[in-house]
Each structure stands twice: as structure tokens, then as C-alpha cells.
N, C-alpha and C. Protein backbone atom coordinates (compact mmCIF):
# COMPACT_ATOMS: atom_id res chain seq x y z
N MET A 1 -33.00 -22.70 58.32
CA MET A 1 -34.06 -22.70 58.77
C MET A 1 -34.19 -24.19 59.49
N ASP A 2 -35.06 -24.50 60.51
CA ASP A 2 -35.23 -25.79 61.08
C ASP A 2 -36.40 -26.55 60.39
N ALA A 3 -36.03 -27.98 60.51
CA ALA A 3 -36.93 -28.65 60.56
C ALA A 3 -37.99 -28.46 61.38
N LEU A 4 -39.01 -29.51 61.01
CA LEU A 4 -39.49 -29.67 62.36
C LEU A 4 -39.51 -30.29 63.51
N TYR A 5 -39.76 -30.17 64.19
CA TYR A 5 -39.23 -30.50 65.83
C TYR A 5 -40.31 -30.55 66.83
N PRO A 6 -40.28 -31.02 67.61
CA PRO A 6 -41.03 -31.31 68.75
C PRO A 6 -40.68 -29.73 69.86
N ARG A 7 -41.91 -29.41 70.62
CA ARG A 7 -41.88 -28.37 71.56
C ARG A 7 -43.00 -28.62 72.47
N LEU A 8 -41.87 -29.40 73.30
CA LEU A 8 -42.73 -29.53 74.61
C LEU A 8 -42.92 -28.37 76.07
N LEU A 9 -44.92 -28.62 76.19
CA LEU A 9 -45.53 -28.02 76.67
C LEU A 9 -45.32 -28.57 78.50
N ALA A 10 -44.56 -27.57 79.40
CA ALA A 10 -44.11 -28.37 80.50
C ALA A 10 -44.55 -27.60 81.87
N THR A 11 -44.97 -28.78 82.79
CA THR A 11 -45.70 -27.93 83.89
C THR A 11 -44.93 -27.97 84.74
N ARG A 12 -43.99 -29.13 84.90
CA ARG A 12 -42.72 -28.84 85.88
C ARG A 12 -41.74 -28.53 84.89
N PHE A 13 -41.89 -27.25 84.62
CA PHE A 13 -40.25 -26.96 83.67
C PHE A 13 -38.88 -27.24 84.17
N ALA A 14 -38.45 -26.65 85.81
CA ALA A 14 -37.53 -27.31 86.01
C ALA A 14 -37.06 -28.45 86.21
N GLU A 15 -37.84 -29.39 86.43
CA GLU A 15 -37.60 -30.71 86.66
C GLU A 15 -37.34 -31.05 85.01
N CYS A 16 -38.22 -31.03 84.35
CA CYS A 16 -38.02 -31.42 82.73
C CYS A 16 -37.05 -30.76 82.18
N PHE A 17 -36.70 -29.66 82.65
CA PHE A 17 -35.40 -29.22 81.41
C PHE A 17 -34.02 -29.54 82.34
N ASP A 18 -33.94 -30.21 83.69
CA ASP A 18 -33.14 -31.01 84.03
C ASP A 18 -32.96 -32.54 83.62
N PHE A 19 -33.81 -32.68 83.20
CA PHE A 19 -34.29 -34.10 82.53
C PHE A 19 -33.78 -34.00 81.17
N TYR A 20 -34.21 -33.60 80.21
CA TYR A 20 -33.79 -33.77 79.10
C TYR A 20 -32.41 -32.65 78.70
N ARG A 21 -31.49 -32.09 79.43
CA ARG A 21 -30.39 -31.47 79.65
C ARG A 21 -29.48 -32.89 79.66
N ALA A 22 -29.60 -33.50 81.07
CA ALA A 22 -28.95 -35.37 81.53
C ALA A 22 -29.10 -36.01 80.00
N VAL A 23 -29.96 -36.04 79.51
CA VAL A 23 -30.24 -37.20 78.69
C VAL A 23 -30.09 -36.93 77.21
N LEU A 24 -30.64 -35.87 76.81
CA LEU A 24 -30.46 -35.43 75.28
C LEU A 24 -29.02 -35.57 74.76
N PRO A 25 -27.56 -35.14 75.34
CA PRO A 25 -26.74 -34.94 74.53
C PRO A 25 -25.94 -36.46 74.31
N PRO A 26 -26.18 -37.31 75.64
CA PRO A 26 -25.34 -38.38 75.27
C PRO A 26 -26.38 -39.41 74.60
N LEU A 27 -27.88 -39.04 74.88
CA LEU A 27 -28.70 -40.37 73.80
C LEU A 27 -28.72 -39.63 71.97
N THR A 28 -28.45 -38.43 71.88
CA THR A 28 -28.72 -37.92 70.40
C THR A 28 -27.70 -36.68 69.94
N GLY A 29 -26.61 -36.69 70.57
CA GLY A 29 -25.87 -35.42 70.73
C GLY A 29 -26.45 -34.11 70.57
N ALA A 30 -27.18 -34.07 70.76
CA ALA A 30 -27.84 -32.52 70.70
C ALA A 30 -26.79 -31.78 71.92
N THR A 31 -26.77 -30.14 71.94
CA THR A 31 -26.33 -29.57 72.50
C THR A 31 -27.59 -28.60 73.36
N LEU A 32 -27.74 -28.05 74.39
CA LEU A 32 -28.62 -26.61 75.08
C LEU A 32 -27.84 -25.77 74.44
N VAL A 33 -28.63 -24.59 73.50
CA VAL A 33 -28.17 -23.77 72.99
C VAL A 33 -29.29 -22.17 74.07
N LYS A 34 -30.07 -22.82 74.28
CA LYS A 34 -30.75 -21.71 74.92
C LYS A 34 -31.74 -22.43 75.58
N GLY A 35 -31.59 -21.20 77.22
CA GLY A 35 -32.52 -22.16 78.37
C GLY A 35 -31.40 -21.94 79.60
N SER A 36 -32.38 -22.10 80.64
CA SER A 36 -32.16 -22.56 81.90
C SER A 36 -33.12 -22.91 82.61
N PRO A 37 -32.81 -23.55 83.61
CA PRO A 37 -34.29 -24.57 84.84
C PRO A 37 -35.05 -23.29 85.14
N GLU A 38 -34.98 -22.47 85.09
CA GLU A 38 -35.79 -20.68 85.89
C GLU A 38 -36.84 -21.02 84.11
N GLY A 39 -36.14 -21.13 83.34
CA GLY A 39 -37.27 -20.74 82.16
C GLY A 39 -37.51 -19.72 81.47
N PRO A 40 -38.35 -19.44 80.92
CA PRO A 40 -39.94 -20.51 80.59
C PRO A 40 -39.64 -21.09 79.04
N TYR A 41 -38.04 -21.30 78.57
CA TYR A 41 -37.86 -21.64 77.42
C TYR A 41 -36.88 -21.92 77.12
N ALA A 42 -36.32 -23.23 76.51
CA ALA A 42 -34.94 -23.95 76.39
C ALA A 42 -35.10 -24.43 75.26
N ASN A 43 -33.95 -24.67 74.46
CA ASN A 43 -33.80 -25.40 73.13
C ASN A 43 -32.44 -26.21 73.02
N TRP A 44 -32.73 -27.41 72.61
CA TRP A 44 -31.59 -27.93 72.16
C TRP A 44 -31.32 -28.64 70.73
N ASP A 45 -30.02 -28.32 70.26
CA ASP A 45 -29.84 -28.55 68.32
C ASP A 45 -29.04 -29.25 68.33
N LEU A 46 -29.32 -29.64 67.20
CA LEU A 46 -28.10 -31.31 66.37
C LEU A 46 -27.76 -31.09 65.20
N ALA A 47 -26.85 -30.39 65.26
CA ALA A 47 -25.89 -30.00 63.89
C ALA A 47 -26.66 -29.01 63.30
N ASP A 48 -26.89 -27.66 64.01
CA ASP A 48 -27.57 -26.58 64.00
C ASP A 48 -28.67 -26.36 63.49
N GLN A 49 -29.70 -27.33 63.49
CA GLN A 49 -30.97 -27.72 63.73
C GLN A 49 -31.54 -27.81 64.89
N ALA A 50 -32.91 -27.48 65.01
CA ALA A 50 -33.45 -27.87 66.54
C ALA A 50 -34.10 -29.22 66.48
N LEU A 51 -33.89 -29.65 67.67
CA LEU A 51 -34.05 -31.21 67.93
C LEU A 51 -35.09 -31.01 68.73
N LEU A 52 -35.45 -30.19 69.88
CA LEU A 52 -36.40 -30.19 70.79
C LEU A 52 -36.51 -28.66 71.47
N ALA A 53 -37.85 -28.28 71.91
CA ALA A 53 -37.77 -27.17 72.46
C ALA A 53 -38.68 -27.18 73.78
N LEU A 54 -38.62 -26.55 74.88
CA LEU A 54 -39.39 -27.26 76.28
C LEU A 54 -39.43 -25.65 76.27
N PHE A 55 -40.99 -25.48 76.57
CA PHE A 55 -41.55 -24.33 77.07
C PHE A 55 -42.68 -24.18 78.50
N ASP A 56 -42.44 -23.28 78.93
CA ASP A 56 -43.00 -23.38 80.28
C ASP A 56 -44.67 -23.68 80.03
N ARG A 57 -45.27 -24.28 79.91
CA ARG A 57 -47.45 -24.46 79.36
C ARG A 57 -47.79 -23.12 80.12
N SER A 58 -47.83 -22.74 81.67
CA SER A 58 -48.28 -21.98 81.83
C SER A 58 -47.91 -20.40 81.15
N ALA A 59 -46.38 -20.40 80.60
CA ALA A 59 -46.17 -19.08 79.95
C ALA A 59 -46.96 -19.32 78.72
N MET A 60 -47.04 -20.17 78.25
CA MET A 60 -47.69 -20.70 76.70
C MET A 60 -48.99 -20.17 76.80
N ALA A 61 -49.69 -20.92 78.06
CA ALA A 61 -51.27 -20.40 78.48
C ALA A 61 -51.44 -18.75 78.39
N ALA A 62 -50.56 -17.87 79.03
CA ALA A 62 -50.71 -16.62 78.89
C ALA A 62 -50.27 -16.01 77.98
N ALA A 63 -49.44 -16.63 77.24
CA ALA A 63 -49.55 -16.07 75.78
C ALA A 63 -50.63 -16.11 74.81
N LEU A 64 -51.54 -17.47 74.96
CA LEU A 64 -52.37 -17.25 74.30
C LEU A 64 -53.83 -17.06 74.80
N GLY A 65 -53.53 -16.56 75.99
CA GLY A 65 -54.80 -16.23 76.54
C GLY A 65 -55.95 -16.98 77.24
N THR A 66 -55.44 -18.48 77.53
CA THR A 66 -56.31 -19.69 77.96
C THR A 66 -55.84 -19.95 79.16
N ALA A 67 -56.51 -20.34 79.77
CA ALA A 67 -56.26 -21.56 81.09
C ALA A 67 -56.56 -22.51 81.21
N GLU A 68 -57.33 -23.42 80.36
CA GLU A 68 -58.03 -24.77 80.33
C GLU A 68 -57.44 -25.69 78.95
N PRO A 69 -57.05 -26.80 79.57
CA PRO A 69 -56.90 -27.51 78.02
C PRO A 69 -57.81 -27.67 76.74
N PRO A 70 -57.25 -28.02 75.62
CA PRO A 70 -58.22 -27.83 74.70
C PRO A 70 -59.37 -29.15 74.86
N GLY A 71 -60.65 -28.68 74.76
CA GLY A 71 -61.82 -29.22 74.81
C GLY A 71 -62.23 -29.39 76.29
N HIS A 72 -61.81 -28.38 77.20
CA HIS A 72 -62.23 -28.69 78.33
C HIS A 72 -63.30 -27.91 78.74
N THR A 73 -64.35 -28.36 79.57
CA THR A 73 -65.86 -28.13 79.91
C THR A 73 -65.95 -27.87 80.77
N GLY A 74 -64.85 -27.73 82.12
CA GLY A 74 -65.32 -27.75 83.23
C GLY A 74 -65.95 -28.39 84.53
N ALA A 75 -66.04 -29.44 83.61
CA ALA A 75 -66.83 -30.17 84.35
C ALA A 75 -66.01 -31.03 85.16
N PRO A 76 -66.27 -31.75 86.25
CA PRO A 76 -65.17 -32.13 87.84
C PRO A 76 -64.02 -33.39 86.79
N THR A 77 -64.76 -33.97 85.95
CA THR A 77 -63.69 -35.27 85.61
C THR A 77 -63.13 -35.41 84.20
N VAL A 78 -62.17 -35.34 83.73
CA VAL A 78 -61.76 -34.98 82.63
C VAL A 78 -61.90 -35.99 81.35
N PRO A 79 -62.30 -35.57 80.58
CA PRO A 79 -62.78 -36.11 79.13
C PRO A 79 -61.68 -37.43 78.62
N ALA A 80 -62.59 -38.66 78.27
CA ALA A 80 -61.06 -39.73 78.27
C ALA A 80 -60.00 -39.09 77.36
N ALA A 81 -60.80 -38.55 76.17
CA ALA A 81 -59.51 -37.94 75.36
C ALA A 81 -58.54 -37.31 76.12
N LEU A 82 -58.70 -36.20 76.52
CA LEU A 82 -57.76 -35.68 77.38
C LEU A 82 -57.01 -36.38 78.50
N ALA A 83 -57.36 -37.71 78.61
CA ALA A 83 -56.97 -38.44 80.02
C ALA A 83 -55.68 -39.45 79.28
N GLN A 84 -55.83 -39.57 78.07
CA GLN A 84 -54.88 -40.60 77.00
C GLN A 84 -53.52 -39.70 76.38
N ASP A 85 -52.89 -40.19 76.32
CA ASP A 85 -51.87 -39.14 75.51
C ASP A 85 -52.02 -39.42 74.40
N ALA A 86 -51.59 -37.83 74.15
CA ALA A 86 -51.79 -37.38 72.50
C ALA A 86 -50.73 -37.09 71.69
N ALA A 87 -49.64 -37.85 72.18
CA ALA A 87 -48.15 -37.34 70.98
C ALA A 87 -47.14 -37.97 72.23
N MET A 88 -45.91 -38.36 71.53
CA MET A 88 -44.47 -39.16 72.50
C MET A 88 -43.60 -38.54 71.87
N LEU A 89 -42.55 -38.05 72.62
CA LEU A 89 -41.37 -38.13 72.01
C LEU A 89 -40.35 -39.45 71.74
N VAL A 90 -40.02 -39.56 70.58
CA VAL A 90 -39.15 -40.80 70.00
C VAL A 90 -38.14 -40.44 69.94
N LEU A 91 -37.04 -41.08 70.85
CA LEU A 91 -35.49 -40.88 70.34
C LEU A 91 -34.97 -42.06 69.97
N ARG A 92 -34.40 -42.44 68.98
CA ARG A 92 -33.38 -43.30 68.38
C ARG A 92 -32.38 -43.33 69.27
N VAL A 93 -31.75 -44.53 70.04
CA VAL A 93 -30.70 -44.33 70.34
C VAL A 93 -29.92 -45.49 69.98
N ALA A 94 -28.70 -46.08 70.44
CA ALA A 94 -27.82 -46.79 70.40
C ALA A 94 -28.00 -48.36 70.94
N ASP A 95 -28.43 -47.90 72.24
CA ASP A 95 -28.59 -48.98 73.54
C ASP A 95 -29.65 -48.75 74.19
N VAL A 96 -31.03 -49.21 74.06
CA VAL A 96 -32.05 -49.10 74.91
C VAL A 96 -32.28 -49.26 76.26
N ASP A 97 -31.50 -50.23 76.69
CA ASP A 97 -31.23 -50.79 78.16
C ASP A 97 -30.38 -49.69 78.81
N ALA A 98 -28.98 -48.87 77.96
CA ALA A 98 -28.18 -48.00 78.88
C ALA A 98 -28.96 -46.72 78.89
N ALA A 99 -29.72 -46.57 77.76
CA ALA A 99 -30.40 -45.12 77.76
C ALA A 99 -31.76 -44.99 78.41
N LEU A 100 -32.40 -46.23 78.61
CA LEU A 100 -33.69 -46.44 79.62
C LEU A 100 -33.16 -45.91 81.53
N ASP A 101 -31.85 -46.95 81.65
CA ASP A 101 -30.86 -46.49 82.83
C ASP A 101 -30.86 -45.14 82.99
N LEU A 102 -30.19 -44.47 81.97
CA LEU A 102 -29.73 -42.86 81.80
C LEU A 102 -31.48 -42.02 82.81
N CYS A 103 -32.03 -42.36 81.66
CA CYS A 103 -33.60 -41.68 81.67
C CYS A 103 -34.16 -41.77 83.19
N LEU A 104 -33.79 -42.80 83.61
CA LEU A 104 -34.41 -43.07 84.72
C LEU A 104 -33.71 -42.31 85.44
N ARG A 105 -32.10 -42.60 85.68
CA ARG A 105 -31.36 -42.03 86.83
C ARG A 105 -31.30 -40.39 87.09
N HIS A 106 -32.71 -39.72 86.23
CA HIS A 106 -32.68 -38.48 85.83
C HIS A 106 -33.82 -38.36 85.77
N GLY A 107 -34.48 -38.67 86.83
CA GLY A 107 -36.47 -38.68 87.04
C GLY A 107 -37.09 -38.74 86.05
N GLY A 108 -36.69 -39.76 84.88
CA GLY A 108 -37.69 -40.44 84.50
C GLY A 108 -38.45 -41.82 85.54
N THR A 109 -39.75 -41.95 84.61
CA THR A 109 -40.21 -43.22 85.52
C THR A 109 -40.96 -44.05 84.57
N PRO A 110 -40.53 -45.28 85.17
CA PRO A 110 -40.57 -46.44 83.89
C PRO A 110 -42.14 -46.78 83.20
N VAL A 111 -42.60 -47.05 82.23
CA VAL A 111 -44.14 -47.49 81.99
C VAL A 111 -44.06 -49.00 81.37
N ALA A 112 -42.91 -48.96 80.36
CA ALA A 112 -42.64 -50.33 79.90
C ALA A 112 -41.08 -50.95 79.59
N PRO A 113 -40.46 -51.59 80.32
CA PRO A 113 -39.39 -52.09 80.05
C PRO A 113 -38.69 -52.24 78.63
N ALA A 114 -37.19 -52.43 78.46
CA ALA A 114 -36.85 -52.47 77.55
C ALA A 114 -37.20 -53.86 77.05
N THR A 115 -37.60 -54.26 75.71
CA THR A 115 -38.53 -54.99 74.85
C THR A 115 -38.10 -55.32 73.43
N ASP A 116 -37.77 -56.36 73.25
CA ASP A 116 -37.59 -56.71 71.58
C ASP A 116 -38.79 -56.62 71.14
N ARG A 117 -39.43 -55.69 70.05
CA ARG A 117 -40.14 -56.04 69.39
C ARG A 117 -40.70 -56.50 67.80
N PRO A 118 -40.15 -57.58 67.77
CA PRO A 118 -40.03 -57.99 66.14
C PRO A 118 -41.51 -57.92 65.85
N GLU A 119 -42.24 -57.46 65.89
CA GLU A 119 -43.95 -57.37 65.50
C GLU A 119 -43.79 -55.78 64.70
N TRP A 120 -42.61 -54.54 65.40
CA TRP A 120 -42.85 -53.66 65.11
C TRP A 120 -41.63 -53.45 63.67
N GLY A 121 -40.97 -54.39 63.72
CA GLY A 121 -39.57 -54.76 63.11
C GLY A 121 -38.68 -55.51 63.39
N PRO A 122 -37.89 -56.00 62.66
CA PRO A 122 -36.98 -57.22 62.93
C PRO A 122 -35.97 -57.15 63.92
N THR A 123 -35.50 -56.11 63.92
CA THR A 123 -34.58 -55.74 65.03
C THR A 123 -35.00 -54.70 66.15
N LEU A 124 -36.04 -54.43 65.92
CA LEU A 124 -36.40 -53.11 67.02
C LEU A 124 -36.41 -53.60 68.18
N ARG A 125 -35.96 -52.71 69.02
CA ARG A 125 -36.18 -52.90 70.69
C ARG A 125 -36.51 -51.66 71.06
N SER A 126 -37.61 -51.76 71.98
CA SER A 126 -38.02 -50.25 72.42
C SER A 126 -37.90 -50.21 74.01
N ALA A 127 -38.33 -49.37 74.78
CA ALA A 127 -38.37 -48.66 75.94
C ALA A 127 -39.28 -47.91 76.15
N HIS A 128 -40.67 -47.64 77.06
CA HIS A 128 -40.89 -46.27 77.28
C HIS A 128 -40.52 -45.66 79.02
N LEU A 129 -40.79 -44.66 79.13
CA LEU A 129 -40.93 -43.96 79.90
C LEU A 129 -41.71 -42.52 80.09
N ARG A 130 -41.81 -42.40 81.44
CA ARG A 130 -42.41 -40.66 81.57
C ARG A 130 -41.21 -39.85 81.80
N ASP A 131 -41.27 -38.70 81.44
CA ASP A 131 -40.42 -37.53 82.14
C ASP A 131 -40.97 -36.68 83.31
N PRO A 132 -40.39 -35.87 83.79
CA PRO A 132 -40.72 -35.61 84.88
C PRO A 132 -42.27 -35.04 84.65
N ASP A 133 -42.53 -34.43 83.79
CA ASP A 133 -43.66 -34.27 83.88
C ASP A 133 -45.03 -34.69 83.06
N GLY A 134 -44.54 -36.33 83.04
CA GLY A 134 -45.79 -36.95 83.04
C GLY A 134 -45.55 -37.69 81.03
N ARG A 135 -44.94 -37.04 80.56
CA ARG A 135 -45.02 -37.01 79.13
C ARG A 135 -44.39 -38.58 78.55
N LEU A 136 -45.19 -39.59 77.74
CA LEU A 136 -44.56 -40.18 77.02
C LEU A 136 -43.33 -40.07 75.98
N VAL A 137 -42.10 -40.89 76.83
CA VAL A 137 -40.45 -41.28 75.64
C VAL A 137 -40.80 -42.60 75.46
N GLU A 138 -40.38 -42.77 74.36
CA GLU A 138 -40.11 -44.36 73.84
C GLU A 138 -38.81 -43.59 73.33
N LEU A 139 -37.67 -44.99 73.99
CA LEU A 139 -36.57 -44.97 73.22
C LEU A 139 -36.42 -46.64 72.21
N GLN A 140 -35.69 -46.33 70.79
CA GLN A 140 -35.88 -47.44 70.06
C GLN A 140 -34.18 -47.50 69.50
N SER A 141 -34.28 -48.43 69.18
CA SER A 141 -32.71 -48.77 68.58
C SER A 141 -33.33 -50.06 67.15
N TYR A 142 -32.71 -49.85 66.24
CA TYR A 142 -33.39 -50.66 65.12
C TYR A 142 -32.11 -51.27 64.12
């Protein structure tokens, strides 16, 4: 039985698949066990446990019979709660700078550069980026 793991809902499935296929093995040691860029589902395992699953957002909406994000009112503007990040993927890595470089070379978009963050932990270093679908990713070492 798998422990808890994130399942990311991707609007740009193929780009997100390519991103995680390129960065998860060197950053975490995870291997792709199911899926392809065509989707709608892919998962990566580490030591026979799920590490990350990726699922096409429209396929999930179809499975649930929904078309709008939670709390959507149909108003022309997006409510503030939906405009902010509701979650992020955190990856512990050996070298934040090298991991950030790898992610950016494979379609990630920088948000915050690699920075020492002693206020978070005496030796903590982190960087933040967005995957091709705009999801917030934190790379950290400590």
C-alpha cells in the first residue's frame, strides 16, 4: 500500500509530464512506472511506493462531472482564494542550485532564486519555481 503522495492535476499534461520525467529521477531517484506524454495519467515510484502522480485536469473534471474550479461563482473575476496557491510540491534535494538549473532547463519558470533561509532552519536553502502548468514547486536542502 502506498503512503500518502501528491496527485497533481495538470492542464498542460504533456509539458508537465516531460518536466517531471526529466527532473524527478535525478532529484529524488523516482522512476516512471506508468504513463506517457499523451496522458491522462502517470506515476513515479520510489522504492515501490508512489512518490508523485500526474492526472489530466479535464479527465478528472469529466470523472467528477464538474467543469469549474471549487468555489467558482461564474463571475468574470477569479475569487482571491482561487488566485493564490493552494498547495505546492516540496522536493528535498542534495544541491538546490543544481536542481533549480535542471528544472529551469526542462520548462520550469523561476519564482525565487536559490537562497539560504536560516530563519526556516539553520542550514536550510531553498528555491521556488513553477512547473509548466504554473504549480508552485519548492526545492530545499538542509
